[in-house]
């Protein structure tokens, strides 16, 4: 009888795990090229998608779905339990409703970019903190939360698309662009302006992690995900993904 009870309990627990992992692991992202965006075919693509698809779908054998949404909405869906996870810096606010991976999915930072022909390149190259940009004309995208908070009160030209910013820097119409080096360099290559713009000092560098909502059935997946990312770092997969976008 005891053996029968153990067998029945094991089957019951297996059934629970099967049900909880039967649904797709729903990942939500912002439109933030080249980290994540929707291409001309309507598919969600980018650095984060390549890494997570390889880790979660290909190696961990968990069904996944990817959706690009306004960033505030994406985070709210995870908070409410309507989506499972996003990739971000695990801030104190996000820690209230998510648990983050120990391993890094990718990185984010802010560097100063300027036209190679700018008369202030030498002075700009000496700046090591955001406050040093106050006396310059800057540029940023509308909706950039970091810029809205950190460039408040400065002379900022706000535009809706990154392509516009890159062209403004190349033409010298704005003296400095403080933004993600991964993002800016990607657009520089797309626009053929690599020789027109120079990257100066890096002001900020941080790591981005998989943040799974505490209401998700996949919360116990984090240790396996961390181990999978370590394997991908060790076998060169992460480096290969990043090189694809460089």
Foldseek 3Di string as FASTA:
>chain_A
DVVVVVVVVVVVVVVVVCVQQVDAQEEEEECAPQQWHQDPVRDIHHLLCLLCCCLCCVPVVGHHDYYYDHPVVRLVCQQVVVHWWYKFPCDPVLVVFWDWFPDFSFKWFKWKKAWPPDPCPVVNLPDQALVSCQVFAEEDEPPPPVCCVRVPPGNYDYHHDPLVRLVCRLVRVGGIYIGTPLRSVLSCVVVVNPNTMDTHDIHTMDTMTIITGPSRSCRVVRVSSNVSVVVCVVVVNSVVSSVVRD
